[in-house]
């Protein structure tokens, strides 16, 4: 999914490029991504409408329109991404929805695995869209993501750390990649139960979350990739199975956690559960 650093980077670009621009027409190439919560088709609802803003709400990209009773919320999931094309003569094979704009450009929502969702719903009725109403703590707002607030949240959980961090109602817009990175930063194994952490461990995790998200958003701004490119080659453990840990040189490993893959260093993030039957450190030598 698009995670917080990705959204922090490309949503302001979309807002700057699209605000005050009219939608001339809409072409739906992959209907499976579309979720209509209002009557009529997408083109009928959006043709002639002026975009007033593009904003982030949780892990959604939220489009608002002038004098229109609808909004559009996009959850890109694994592979969804946006591109603004100046030359719309040729279209990519992964094009899901194309919005022809009044200035001659085309806004393209691309999704080669069609896991993303595009919701059209009554303006302000966030309850129509699963996951849009309940938003977790904003980890990049120092006034919200305080030591006390995070400790209170963590102490109410009974699940594993990886599962906890990926709960969007707990922490705003954190997914697979940055959950792994935060746990590596904090030196915590992804299968550790939240309830087993002491106060020091909880605070170490909070600082790890803030560190990796802030570092990533600064890296994206510095490198300025196109809006349809997911840039994550700077991550330390995610998708680096078998590569040496940047801290200790131990090979990065992968484990399954409730249907999700978790990347970790078995030395820097030792297993703490008494039920473990695998000594990852021996397998990594």
Foldseek 3Di string as FASTA:
>chain_A
DQFDLLCVQCQVVCFVVAAFWAFQFKDFDACLQEDEADDDDPRVQRHGWGWHGWHDQFQWTKTDTPPHQKIKIKRQPPQKFKAKAQDPPDDDPQFGMWTQIPVNIIITIGDNVSPMHIYIHGPPPQVVDPPRPQAAFELQDPVGLDLVNQVVLLCVFFAFQQVQQCPRNHYGGDHQQLSLQLCLQLLADRRHTSNVDDSVSSVSSSVSSNVVSVVSSVVCVVVVDGRSDDDDPPGQWPPQAQAAHPPPGFGWHWDDDPNDIHIYHCVSHPDDDPPDPDNVRVVRD
